[in-house]
Amino acid sequence: SDRIARLAAERGGRVPPELQPLVDEVARGGGTPLVVIQNDRLLGV
């Protein structure tokens, strides 16, 4: 998640405020969150 967030910033995109709660929800459940991005647009987890 942190690496994809930096990539979004490098590409001129923005990180939606809804992303971190999704990442935390997966992590708190013992899972590993992977974030997906297309060009500069973040899509989800």
PDB file of all heavy atoms in Angstrom:
ATOM      1  N   SER A   1       0.813  -1.220   0.000  1.00  0.00           N
ATOM      2  CA  SER A   1       0.000   0.000   0.000  1.00  0.00           C
ATOM      3  C   SER A   1       0.847   1.270   0.000  1.00  0.00           C
ATOM      4  O   SER A   1       0.560   2.217  -0.743  1.00  0.00           O
ATOM      5  CB  SER A   1      -0.948  -0.002   1.199  1.00  0.00           C
ATOM      6  OG  SER A   1      -0.214  -0.072   2.414  1.00  0.00           O
ATOM      7  N   ASP A   2       1.904   1.299   0.816  1.00  0.00           N
ATOM      8  CA  ASP A   2       2.713   2.518   0.887  1.00  0.00           C
ATOM      9  C   ASP A   2       3.445   2.769  -0.428  1.00  0.00           C
ATOM     10  O   ASP A   2       3.587   3.909  -0.870  1.00  0.00           O
ATOM     11  CB  ASP A   2       3.684   2.448   2.057  1.00  0.00           C
ATOM     12  CG  ASP A   2       4.610   1.239   1.994  1.00  0.00           C
ATOM     13  OD1 ASP A   2       4.275   0.260   1.283  1.00  0.00           O
ATOM     14  OD2 ASP A   2       5.669   1.258   2.648  1.00  0.00           O
ATOM     15  N   ARG A   3       3.897   1.668  -1.062  1.00  0.00           N
ATOM     16  CA  ARG A   3       4.630   1.837  -2.327  1.00  0.00           C
ATOM     17  C   ARG A   3       3.699   2.305  -3.438  1.00  0.00           C
ATOM     18  O   ARG A   3       4.063   3.187  -4.232  1.00  0.00           O
ATOM     19  CB  ARG A   3       5.283   0.502  -2.724  1.00  0.00           C
ATOM     20  CG  ARG A   3       6.116   0.605  -4.006  1.00  0.00           C
ATOM     21  CD  ARG A   3       7.320   1.505  -3.793  1.00  0.00           C
ATOM     22  NE  ARG A   3       8.049   1.751  -5.038  1.00  0.00           N
ATOM     23  CZ  ARG A   3       7.798   2.754  -5.886  1.00  0.00           C
ATOM     24  NH1 ARG A   3       6.800   3.609  -5.628  1.00  0.00           N
ATOM     25  NH2 ARG A   3       8.519   2.917  -6.975  1.00  0.00           N
ATOM     26  N   ILE A   4       2.493   1.753  -3.510  1.00  0.00           N
ATOM     27  CA  ILE A   4       1.545   2.166  -4.544  1.00  0.00           C
ATOM     28  C   ILE A   4       1.073   3.601  -4.297  1.00  0.00           C
ATOM     29  O   ILE A   4       0.851   4.374  -5.246  1.00  0.00           O
ATOM     30  CB  ILE A   4       0.342   1.201  -4.593  1.00  0.00           C
ATOM     31  CG1 ILE A   4       0.817  -0.209  -4.981  1.00  0.00           C
ATOM     32  CG2 ILE A   4      -0.700   1.685  -5.583  1.00  0.00           C
ATOM     33  CD1 ILE A   4       1.444  -0.313  -6.345  1.00  0.00           C
ATOM     34  N   ALA A   5       0.929   3.991  -3.041  1.00  0.00           N
ATOM     35  CA  ALA A   5       0.538   5.372  -2.730  1.00  0.00           C
ATOM     36  C   ALA A   5       1.611   6.350  -3.218  1.00  0.00           C
ATOM     37  O   ALA A   5       1.293   7.419  -3.777  1.00  0.00           O
ATOM     38  CB  ALA A   5       0.315   5.527  -1.227  1.00  0.00           C
ATOM     39  N   ARG A   6       2.896   6.000  -3.037  1.00  0.00           N
ATOM     40  CA  ARG A   6       3.973   6.859  -3.540  1.00  0.00           C
ATOM     41  C   ARG A   6       3.951   6.910  -5.070  1.00  0.00           C
ATOM     42  O   ARG A   6       4.187   7.968  -5.672  1.00  0.00           O
ATOM     43  CB  ARG A   6       5.328   6.357  -3.051  1.00  0.00           C
ATOM     44  CG  ARG A   6       5.588   6.625  -1.582  1.00  0.00           C
ATOM     45  CD  ARG A   6       7.068   6.596  -1.241  1.00  0.00           C
ATOM     46  NE  ARG A   6       7.687   5.323  -1.618  1.00  0.00           N
ATOM     47  CZ  ARG A   6       7.745   4.254  -0.823  1.00  0.00           C
ATOM     48  NH1 ARG A   6       7.203   4.328   0.396  1.00  0.00           N
ATOM     49  NH2 ARG A   6       8.331   3.143  -1.226  1.00  0.00           N
ATOM     50  N   LEU A   7       3.654   5.763  -5.696  1.00  0.00           N
ATOM     51  CA  LEU A   7       3.592   5.728  -7.153  1.00  0.00           C
ATOM     52  C   LEU A   7       2.482   6.644  -7.668  1.00  0.00           C
ATOM     53  O   LEU A   7       2.652   7.351  -8.679  1.00  0.00           O
ATOM     54  CB  LEU A   7       3.362   4.293  -7.631  1.00  0.00           C
ATOM     55  CG  LEU A   7       3.261   4.085  -9.151  1.00  0.00           C
ATOM     56  CD1 LEU A   7       4.570   4.464  -9.836  1.00  0.00           C
ATOM     57  CD2 LEU A   7       2.893   2.635  -9.478  1.00  0.00           C
ATOM     58  N   ALA A   8       1.332   6.628  -6.967  1.00  0.00           N
ATOM     59  CA  ALA A   8       0.223   7.498  -7.373  1.00  0.00           C
ATOM     60  C   ALA A   8       0.646   8.965  -7.305  1.00  0.00           C
ATOM     61  O   ALA A   8       0.332   9.762  -8.217  1.00  0.00           O
ATOM     62  CB  ALA A   8      -0.989   7.246  -6.480  1.00  0.00           C
ATOM     63  N   ALA A   9       1.372   9.312  -6.231  1.00  0.00           N
ATOM     64  CA  ALA A   9       1.835  10.698  -6.098  1.00  0.00           C
ATOM     65  C   ALA A   9       2.835  11.041  -7.199  1.00  0.00           C
ATOM     66  O   ALA A   9       2.802  12.158  -7.761  1.00  0.00           O
ATOM     67  CB  ALA A   9       2.463  10.900  -4.722  1.00  0.00           C
ATOM     68  N   GLU A  10       3.716  10.096  -7.525  1.00  0.00           N
ATOM     69  CA  GLU A  10       4.699  10.334  -8.588  1.00  0.00           C
ATOM     70  C   GLU A  10       4.020  10.540  -9.934  1.00  0.00           C
ATOM     71  O   GLU A  10       4.518  11.279 -10.797  1.00  0.00           O
ATOM     72  CB  GLU A  10       5.666   9.145  -8.673  1.00  0.00           C
ATOM     73  CG  GLU A  10       6.581   9.010  -7.460  1.00  0.00           C
ATOM     74  CD  GLU A  10       7.307   7.662  -7.446  1.00  0.00           C
ATOM     75  OE1 GLU A  10       7.154   6.888  -8.419  1.00  0.00           O
ATOM     76  OE2 GLU A  10       8.033   7.386  -6.465  1.00  0.00           O
ATOM     77  N   ARG A  11       2.880   9.884 -10.143  1.00  0.00           N
ATOM     78  CA  ARG A  11       2.163   9.993 -11.417  1.00  0.00           C
ATOM     79  C   ARG A  11       1.166  11.150 -11.429  1.00  0.00           C
ATOM     80  O   ARG A  11       0.416  11.332 -12.392  1.00  0.00           O
ATOM     81  CB  ARG A  11       1.434   8.688 -11.716  1.00  0.00           C
ATOM     82  CG  ARG A  11       2.378   7.521 -12.019  1.00  0.00           C
ATOM     83  CD  ARG A  11       1.606   6.244 -12.292  1.00  0.00           C
ATOM     84  NE  ARG A  11       2.484   5.176 -12.766  1.00  0.00           N
ATOM     85  CZ  ARG A  11       2.069   3.950 -13.103  1.00  0.00           C
ATOM     86  NH1 ARG A  11       0.767   3.647 -13.020  1.00  0.00           N
ATOM     87  NH2 ARG A  11       2.920   3.054 -13.534  1.00  0.00           N
ATOM     88  N   GLY A  12       1.115  11.903 -10.352  1.00  0.00           N
ATOM     89  CA  GLY A  12       0.230  13.068 -10.302  1.00  0.00           C
ATOM     90  C   GLY A  12      -1.170  12.759  -9.837  1.00  0.00           C
ATOM     91  O   GLY A  12      -2.061  13.622  -9.942  1.00  0.00           O
ATOM     92  N   GLY A  13      -1.390  11.566  -9.325  1.00  0.00           N
ATOM     93  CA  GLY A  13      -2.711  11.207  -8.838  1.00  0.00           C
ATOM     94  C   GLY A  13      -2.880  11.575  -7.375  1.00  0.00           C
ATOM     95  O   GLY A  13      -1.986  12.139  -6.740  1.00  0.00           O
ATOM     96  N   ARG A  14      -4.041  11.236  -6.841  1.00  0.00           N
ATOM     97  CA  ARG A  14      -4.294  11.519  -5.431  1.00  0.00           C
ATOM     98  C   ARG A  14      -4.698  10.225  -4.728  1.00  0.00           C
ATOM     99  O   ARG A  14      -5.195   9.277  -5.351  1.00  0.00           O
ATOM    100  CB  ARG A  14      -5.396  12.564  -5.255  1.00  0.00           C
ATOM    101  CG  ARG A  14      -6.782  12.069  -5.595  1.00  0.00           C
ATOM    102  CD  ARG A  14      -7.848  13.131  -5.382  1.00  0.00           C
ATOM    103  NE  ARG A  14      -9.190  12.562  -5.529  1.00  0.00           N
ATOM    104  CZ  ARG A  14      -9.869  12.024  -4.521  1.00  0.00           C
ATOM    105  NH1 ARG A  14      -9.346  12.005  -3.302  1.00  0.00           N
ATOM    106  NH2 ARG A  14     -11.081  11.523  -4.737  1.00  0.00           N
ATOM    107  N   VAL A  15      -4.471  10.203  -3.425  1.00  0.00           N
ATOM    108  CA  VAL A  15      -4.818   9.034  -2.622  1.00  0.00           C
ATOM    109  C   VAL A  15      -6.158   9.303  -1.952  1.00  0.00           C
ATOM    110  O   VAL A  15      -6.268  10.197  -1.094  1.00  0.00           O
ATOM    111  CB  VAL A  15      -3.739   8.745  -1.558  1.00  0.00           C
ATOM    112  CG1 VAL A  15      -4.149   7.551  -0.709  1.00  0.00           C
ATOM    113  CG2 VAL A  15      -2.396   8.499  -2.215  1.00  0.00           C
ATOM    114  N   PRO A  16      -7.207   8.563  -2.337  1.00  0.00           N
ATOM    115  CA  PRO A  16      -8.528   8.785  -1.721  1.00  0.00           C
ATOM    116  C   PRO A  16      -8.482   8.504  -0.218  1.00  0.00           C
ATOM    117  O   PRO A  16      -7.788   7.581   0.236  1.00  0.00           O
ATOM    118  CB  PRO A  16      -9.423   7.764  -2.437  1.00  0.00           C
ATOM    119  CG  PRO A  16      -8.703   7.399  -3.694  1.00  0.00           C
ATOM    120  CD  PRO A  16      -7.241   7.517  -3.370  1.00  0.00           C
ATOM    121  N   PRO A  17      -9.209   9.266   0.564  1.00  0.00           N
ATOM    122  CA  PRO A  17      -9.214   9.030   2.020  1.00  0.00           C
ATOM    123  C   PRO A  17      -9.811   7.676   2.397  1.00  0.00           C
ATOM    124  O   PRO A  17      -9.580   7.183   3.495  1.00  0.00           O
ATOM    125  CB  PRO A  17     -10.071  10.174   2.563  1.00  0.00           C
ATOM    126  CG  PRO A  17     -10.893  10.632   1.390  1.00  0.00           C
ATOM    127  CD  PRO A  17     -10.049  10.409   0.175  1.00  0.00           C
ATOM    128  N   GLU A  18     -10.570   7.065   1.484  1.00  0.00           N
ATOM    129  CA  GLU A  18     -11.177   5.768   1.791  1.00  0.00           C
ATOM    130  C   GLU A  18     -10.174   4.612   1.696  1.00  0.00           C
ATOM    131  O   GLU A  18     -10.476   3.488   2.128  1.00  0.00           O
ATOM    132  CB  GLU A  18     -12.338   5.492   0.819  1.00  0.00           C
ATOM    133  CG  GLU A  18     -13.501   6.463   0.912  1.00  0.00           C
ATOM    134  CD  GLU A  18     -13.288   7.687   0.032  1.00  0.00           C
ATOM    135  OE1 GLU A  18     -12.190   7.803  -0.579  1.00  0.00           O
ATOM    136  OE2 GLU A  18     -14.200   8.534  -0.040  1.00  0.00           O
ATOM    137  N   LEU A  19      -8.982   4.865   1.119  1.00  0.00           N
ATOM    138  CA  LEU A  19      -8.027   3.764   0.908  1.00  0.00           C
ATOM    139  C   LEU A  19      -7.477   3.228   2.228  1.00  0.00           C
ATOM    140  O   LEU A  19      -7.470   2.005   2.449  1.00  0.00           O
ATOM    141  CB  LEU A  19      -6.874   4.222   0.012  1.00  0.00           C
ATOM    142  CG  LEU A  19      -5.772   3.169  -0.204  1.00  0.00           C
ATOM    143  CD1 LEU A  19      -6.321   1.964  -0.952  1.00  0.00           C
ATOM    144  CD2 LEU A  19      -4.586   3.762  -0.961  1.00  0.00           C
ATOM    145  N   GLN A  20      -7.007   4.102   3.112  1.00  0.00           N
ATOM    146  CA  GLN A  20      -6.351   3.638   4.332  1.00  0.00           C
ATOM    147  C   GLN A  20      -7.281   2.796   5.214  1.00  0.00           C
ATOM    148  O   GLN A  20      -6.849   1.765   5.758  1.00  0.00           O
ATOM    149  CB  GLN A  20      -5.795   4.818   5.129  1.00  0.00           C
ATOM    150  CG  GLN A  20      -4.823   4.421   6.230  1.00  0.00           C
ATOM    151  CD  GLN A  20      -3.628   3.656   5.710  1.00  0.00           C
ATOM    152  OE1 GLN A  20      -3.040   4.028   4.689  1.00  0.00           O
ATOM    153  NE2 GLN A  20      -3.271   2.555   6.384  1.00  0.00           N
ATOM    154  N   PRO A  21      -8.571   3.173   5.382  1.00  0.00           N
ATOM    155  CA  PRO A  21      -9.458   2.295   6.158  1.00  0.00           C
ATOM    156  C   PRO A  21      -9.589   0.894   5.558  1.00  0.00           C
ATOM    157  O   PRO A  21      -9.677  -0.094   6.302  1.00  0.00           O
ATOM    158  CB  PRO A  21     -10.799   3.039   6.137  1.00  0.00           C
ATOM    159  CG  PRO A  21     -10.428   4.468   5.970  1.00  0.00           C
ATOM    160  CD  PRO A  21      -9.224   4.469   5.078  1.00  0.00           C
ATOM    161  N   LEU A  22      -9.616   0.795   4.216  1.00  0.00           N
ATOM    162  CA  LEU A  22      -9.673  -0.520   3.578  1.00  0.00           C
ATOM    163  C   LEU A  22      -8.413  -1.331   3.877  1.00  0.00           C
ATOM    164  O   LEU A  22      -8.479  -2.518   4.197  1.00  0.00           O
ATOM    165  CB  LEU A  22      -9.846  -0.369   2.059  1.00  0.00           C
ATOM    166  CG  LEU A  22     -11.236  -0.074   1.514  1.00  0.00           C
ATOM    167  CD1 LEU A  22     -11.189   0.061  -0.005  1.00  0.00           C
ATOM    168  CD2 LEU A  22     -12.209  -1.169   1.917  1.00  0.00           C
ATOM    169  N   VAL A  23      -7.256  -0.675   3.763  1.00  0.00           N
ATOM    170  CA  VAL A  23      -5.972  -1.340   4.049  1.00  0.00           C
ATOM    171  C   VAL A  23      -5.930  -1.808   5.500  1.00  0.00           C
ATOM    172  O   VAL A  23      -5.542  -2.948   5.798  1.00  0.00           O
ATOM    173  CB  VAL A  23      -4.794  -0.385   3.741  1.00  0.00           C
ATOM    174  CG1 VAL A  23      -3.480  -0.969   4.260  1.00  0.00           C
ATOM    175  CG2 VAL A  23      -4.706  -0.117   2.246  1.00  0.00           C
ATOM    176  N   ASP A  24      -6.340  -0.930   6.414  1.00  0.00           N
ATOM    177  CA  ASP A  24      -6.309  -1.284   7.841  1.00  0.00           C
ATOM    178  C   ASP A  24      -7.279  -2.422   8.153  1.00  0.00           C
ATOM    179  O   ASP A  24      -6.985  -3.297   8.985  1.00  0.00           O
ATOM    180  CB  ASP A  24      -6.658  -0.062   8.693  1.00  0.00           C
ATOM    181  CG  ASP A  24      -5.572   1.011   8.632  1.00  0.00           C
ATOM    182  OD1 ASP A  24      -4.453   0.684   8.176  1.00  0.00           O
ATOM    183  OD2 ASP A  24      -5.849   2.155   9.033  1.00  0.00           O
ATOM    184  N   GLU A  25      -8.416  -2.428   7.500  1.00  0.00           N
ATOM    185  CA  GLU A  25      -9.406  -3.478   7.740  1.00  0.00           C
ATOM    186  C   GLU A  25      -8.846  -4.850   7.372  1.00  0.00           C
ATOM    187  O   GLU A  25      -8.997  -5.821   8.122  1.00  0.00           O
ATOM    188  CB  GLU A  25     -10.670  -3.192   6.927  1.00  0.00           C
ATOM    189  CG  GLU A  25     -11.755  -4.262   7.084  1.00  0.00           C
ATOM    190  CD  GLU A  25     -12.906  -4.066   6.120  1.00  0.00           C
ATOM    191  OE1 GLU A  25     -12.957  -3.003   5.450  1.00  0.00           O
ATOM    192  OE2 GLU A  25     -13.749  -4.968   6.008  1.00  0.00           O
ATOM    193  N   VAL A  26      -8.180  -4.939   6.216  1.00  0.00           N
ATOM    194  CA  VAL A  26      -7.577  -6.213   5.791  1.00  0.00           C
ATOM    195  C   VAL A  26      -6.460  -6.613   6.742  1.00  0.00           C
ATOM    196  O   VAL A  26      -6.351  -7.772   7.154  1.00  0.00           O
ATOM    197  CB  VAL A  26      -7.054  -6.105   4.345  1.00  0.00           C
ATOM    198  CG1 VAL A  26      -6.271  -7.364   3.962  1.00  0.00           C
ATOM    199  CG2 VAL A  26      -8.199  -5.879   3.378  1.00  0.00           C
ATOM    200  N   ALA A  27      -5.619  -5.632   7.113  1.00  0.00           N
ATOM    201  CA  ALA A  27      -4.479  -5.932   7.987  1.00  0.00           C
ATOM    202  C   ALA A  27      -4.936  -6.388   9.359  1.00  0.00           C
ATOM    203  O   ALA A  27      -4.372  -7.326   9.930  1.00  0.00           O
ATOM    204  CB  ALA A  27      -3.579  -4.702   8.102  1.00  0.00           C
ATOM    205  N   ARG A  28      -5.978  -5.702   9.921  1.00  0.00           N
ATOM    206  CA  ARG A  28      -6.457  -6.087  11.244  1.00  0.00           C
ATOM    207  C   ARG A  28      -7.036  -7.500  11.245  1.00  0.00           C
ATOM    208  O   ARG A  28      -7.044  -8.182  12.260  1.00  0.00           O
ATOM    209  CB  ARG A  28      -7.513  -5.086  11.737  1.00  0.00           C
ATOM    210  CG  ARG A  28      -6.931  -3.826  12.338  1.00  0.00           C
ATOM    211  CD  ARG A  28      -8.002  -3.049  13.101  1.00  0.00           C
ATOM    212  NE  ARG A  28      -9.078  -2.614  12.214  1.00  0.00           N
ATOM    213  CZ  ARG A  28      -9.101  -1.449  11.570  1.00  0.00           C
ATOM    214  NH1 ARG A  28      -8.103  -0.599  11.715  1.00  0.00           N
ATOM    215  NH2 ARG A  28     -10.113  -1.127  10.781  1.00  0.00           N
ATOM    216  N   GLY A  29      -7.530  -7.944  10.112  1.00  0.00           N
ATOM    217  CA  GLY A  29      -8.053  -9.303  10.007  1.00  0.00           C
ATOM    218  C   GLY A  29      -6.983 -10.345   9.792  1.00  0.00           C
ATOM    219  O   GLY A  29      -7.304 -11.523   9.593  1.00  0.00           O
ATOM    220  N   GLY A  30      -5.705  -9.938   9.818  1.00  0.00           N
ATOM    221  CA  GLY A  30      -4.616 -10.888   9.645  1.00  0.00           C
ATOM    222  C   GLY A  30      -4.239 -11.122   8.199  1.00  0.00           C
ATOM    223  O   GLY A  30      -3.399 -11.967   7.900  1.00  0.00           O
ATOM    224  N   GLY A  31      -4.854 -10.356   7.274  1.00  0.00           N
ATOM    225  CA  GLY A  31      -4.533 -10.514   5.863  1.00  0.00           C
ATOM    226  C   GLY A  31      -3.452  -9.541   5.425  1.00  0.00           C
ATOM    227  O   GLY A  31      -3.018  -8.661   6.169  1.00  0.00           O
ATOM    228  N   THR A  32      -3.012  -9.729   4.188  1.00  0.00           N
ATOM    229  CA  THR A  32      -2.026  -8.834   3.593  1.00  0.00           C
ATOM    230  C   THR A  32      -2.722  -8.026   2.506  1.00  0.00           C
ATOM    231  O   THR A  32      -3.256  -8.605   1.546  1.00  0.00           O
ATOM    232  CB  THR A  32      -0.864  -9.625   2.983  1.00  0.00           C
ATOM    233  OG1 THR A  32      -0.232 -10.383   4.004  1.00  0.00           O
ATOM    234  CG2 THR A  32       0.145  -8.691   2.343  1.00  0.00           C
ATOM    235  N   PRO A  33      -2.741  -6.697   2.620  1.00  0.00           N
ATOM    236  CA  PRO A  33      -3.428  -5.877   1.607  1.00  0.00           C
ATOM    237  C   PRO A  33      -2.499  -5.543   0.443  1.00  0.00           C
ATOM    238  O   PRO A  33      -1.363  -5.102   0.644  1.00  0.00           O
ATOM    239  CB  PRO A  33      -3.812  -4.619   2.390  1.00  0.00           C
ATOM    240  CG  PRO A  33      -2.783  -4.515   3.468  1.00  0.00           C
ATOM    241  CD  PRO A  33      -2.309  -5.901   3.776  1.00  0.00           C
ATOM    242  N   LEU A  34      -2.964  -5.763  -0.785  1.00  0.00           N
ATOM    243  CA  LEU A  34      -2.280  -5.312  -1.992  1.00  0.00           C
ATOM    244  C   LEU A  34      -3.166  -4.263  -2.661  1.00  0.00           C
ATOM    245  O   LEU A  34      -4.371  -4.482  -2.830  1.00  0.00           O
ATOM    246  CB  LEU A  34      -2.038  -6.475  -2.955  1.00  0.00           C
ATOM    247  CG  LEU A  34      -1.093  -7.590  -2.491  1.00  0.00           C
ATOM    248  CD1 LEU A  34      -0.961  -8.646  -3.580  1.00  0.00           C
ATOM    249  CD2 LEU A  34       0.266  -7.035  -2.126  1.00  0.00           C
ATOM    250  N   VAL A  35      -2.571  -3.157  -3.017  1.00  0.00           N
ATOM    251  CA  VAL A  35      -3.330  -2.062  -3.627  1.00  0.00           C
ATOM    252  C   VAL A  35      -3.089  -2.085  -5.137  1.00  0.00           C
ATOM    253  O   VAL A  35      -1.972  -2.341  -5.602  1.00  0.00           O
ATOM    254  CB  VAL A  35      -2.913  -0.710  -3.026  1.00  0.00           C
ATOM    255  CG1 VAL A  35      -3.641   0.439  -3.718  1.00  0.00           C
ATOM    256  CG2 VAL A  35      -3.210  -0.695  -1.532  1.00  0.00           C
ATOM    257  N   VAL A  36      -4.133  -1.825  -5.909  1.00  0.00           N
ATOM    258  CA  VAL A  36      -4.074  -1.846  -7.374  1.00  0.00           C
ATOM    259  C   VAL A  36      -4.260  -0.424  -7.899  1.00  0.00           C
ATOM    260  O   VAL A  36      -5.127   0.330  -7.421  1.00  0.00           O
ATOM    261  CB  VAL A  36      -5.160  -2.773  -7.957  1.00  0.00           C
ATOM    262  CG1 VAL A  36      -5.062  -2.813  -9.482  1.00  0.00           C
ATOM    263  CG2 VAL A  36      -5.026  -4.178  -7.376  1.00  0.00           C
ATOM    264  N   ILE A  37      -3.428  -0.066  -8.895  1.00  0.00           N
ATOM    265  CA  ILE A  37      -3.505   1.259  -9.506  1.00  0.00           C
ATOM    266  C   ILE A  37      -3.449   1.109 -11.020  1.00  0.00           C
ATOM    267  O   ILE A  37      -2.737   0.244 -11.545  1.00  0.00           O
ATOM    268  CB  ILE A  37      -2.347   2.166  -9.002  1.00  0.00           C
ATOM    269  CG1 ILE A  37      -2.490   3.584  -9.562  1.00  0.00           C
ATOM    270  CG2 ILE A  37      -0.999   1.574  -9.360  1.00  0.00           C
ATOM    271  CD1 ILE A  37      -1.454   4.574  -8.989  1.00  0.00           C
ATOM    272  N   GLN A  38      -4.240   1.931 -11.729  1.00  0.00           N
ATOM    273  CA  GLN A  38      -4.164   1.999 -13.186  1.00  0.00           C
ATOM    274  C   GLN A  38      -3.788   3.422 -13.554  1.00  0.00           C
ATOM    275  O   GLN A  38      -4.521   4.372 -13.254  1.00  0.00           O
ATOM    276  CB  GLN A  38      -5.490   1.618 -13.839  1.00  0.00           C
ATOM    277  CG  GLN A  38      -5.431   1.625 -15.368  1.00  0.00           C
ATOM    278  CD  GLN A  38      -6.741   1.241 -16.010  1.00  0.00           C
ATOM    279  OE1 GLN A  38      -7.814   1.495 -15.446  1.00  0.00           O
ATOM    280  NE2 GLN A  38      -6.677   0.627 -17.187  1.00  0.00           N
ATOM    281  N   ASN A  39      -2.615   3.546 -14.181  1.00  0.00           N
ATOM    282  CA  ASN A  39      -2.042   4.865 -14.481  1.00  0.00           C
ATOM    283  C   ASN A  39      -1.900   5.649 -13.177  1.00  0.00           C
ATOM    284  O   ASN A  39      -1.140   5.254 -12.314  1.00  0.00           O
ATOM    285  CB  ASN A  39      -2.868   5.590 -15.541  1.00  0.00           C
ATOM    286  CG  ASN A  39      -2.849   4.826 -16.875  1.00  0.00           C
ATOM    287  OD1 ASN A  39      -1.853   4.178 -17.202  1.00  0.00           O
ATOM    288  ND2 ASN A  39      -3.936   4.906 -17.629  1.00  0.00           N
ATOM    289  N   ASP A  40      -2.706   6.725 -12.972  1.00  0.00           N
ATOM    290  CA  ASP A  40      -2.601   7.480 -11.713  1.00  0.00           C
ATOM    291  C   ASP A  40      -3.830   7.314 -10.838  1.00  0.00           C
ATOM    292  O   ASP A  40      -4.020   8.037  -9.858  1.00  0.00           O
ATOM    293  CB  ASP A  40      -2.369   8.963 -11.997  1.00  0.00           C
ATOM    294  CG  ASP A  40      -3.525   9.588 -12.778  1.00  0.00           C
ATOM    295  OD1 ASP A  40      -4.437   8.836 -13.200  1.00  0.00           O
ATOM    296  OD2 ASP A  40      -3.515  10.819 -12.964  1.00  0.00           O
ATOM    297  N   ARG A  41      -4.692   6.347 -11.180  1.00  0.00           N
ATOM    298  CA  ARG A  41      -5.962   6.167 -10.474  1.00  0.00           C
ATOM    299  C   ARG A  41      -5.916   4.923  -9.596  1.00  0.00           C
ATOM    300  O   ARG A  41      -5.703   3.813 -10.075  1.00  0.00           O
ATOM    301  CB  ARG A  41      -7.092   6.033 -11.498  1.00  0.00           C
ATOM    302  CG  ARG A  41      -8.466   5.829 -10.901  1.00  0.00           C
ATOM    303  CD  ARG A  41      -9.435   5.446 -11.990  1.00  0.00           C
ATOM    304  NE  ARG A  41     -10.781   5.196 -11.474  1.00  0.00           N
ATOM    305  CZ  ARG A  41     -11.666   4.436 -12.088  1.00  0.00           C
ATOM    306  NH1 ARG A  41     -11.347   3.825 -13.244  1.00  0.00           N
ATOM    307  NH2 ARG A  41     -12.871   4.254 -11.566  1.00  0.00           N
ATOM    308  N   LEU A  42      -6.105   5.125  -8.301  1.00  0.00           N
ATOM    309  CA  LEU A  42      -6.156   4.002  -7.361  1.00  0.00           C
ATOM    310  C   LEU A  42      -7.522   3.332  -7.460  1.00  0.00           C
ATOM    311  O   LEU A  42      -8.562   4.009  -7.471  1.00  0.00           O
ATOM    312  CB  LEU A  42      -5.904   4.488  -5.937  1.00  0.00           C
ATOM    313  CG  LEU A  42      -4.446   4.909  -5.648  1.00  0.00           C
ATOM    314  CD1 LEU A  42      -4.366   5.760  -4.410  1.00  0.00           C
ATOM    315  CD2 LEU A  42      -3.560   3.679  -5.508  1.00  0.00           C
ATOM    316  N   LEU A  43      -7.512   1.965  -7.516  1.00  0.00           N
ATOM    317  CA  LEU A  43      -8.743   1.218  -7.768  1.00  0.00           C
ATOM    318  C   LEU A  43      -9.302   0.517  -6.535  1.00  0.00           C
ATOM    319  O   LEU A  43     -10.516   0.360  -6.408  1.00  0.00           O
ATOM    320  CB  LEU A  43      -8.509   0.173  -8.866  1.00  0.00           C
ATOM    321  CG  LEU A  43      -7.985   0.719 -10.191  1.00  0.00           C
ATOM    322  CD1 LEU A  43      -7.656  -0.432 -11.135  1.00  0.00           C
ATOM    323  CD2 LEU A  43      -9.014   1.644 -10.829  1.00  0.00           C
ATOM    324  N   GLY A  44      -8.429   0.034  -5.661  1.00  0.00           N
ATOM    325  CA  GLY A  44      -8.919  -0.693  -4.488  1.00  0.00           C
ATOM    326  C   GLY A  44      -7.866  -1.637  -3.931  1.00  0.00           C
ATOM    327  O   GLY A  44      -6.679  -1.541  -4.266  1.00  0.00           O
ATOM    328  N   VAL A  45      -8.331  -2.564  -3.108  1.00  0.00           N
ATOM    329  CA  VAL A  45      -7.443  -3.447  -2.347  1.00  0.00           C
ATOM    330  C   VAL A  45      -7.787  -4.902  -2.632  1.00  0.00           C
ATOM    331  O   VAL A  45      -8.974  -5.265  -2.700  1.00  0.00           O
ATOM    332  CB  VAL A  45      -7.565  -3.164  -0.832  1.00  0.00           C
ATOM    333  CG1 VAL A  45      -6.724  -4.155  -0.027  1.00  0.00           C
ATOM    334  CG2 VAL A  45      -7.149  -1.733  -0.525  1.00  0.00           C
TER     335      VAL A  45
END
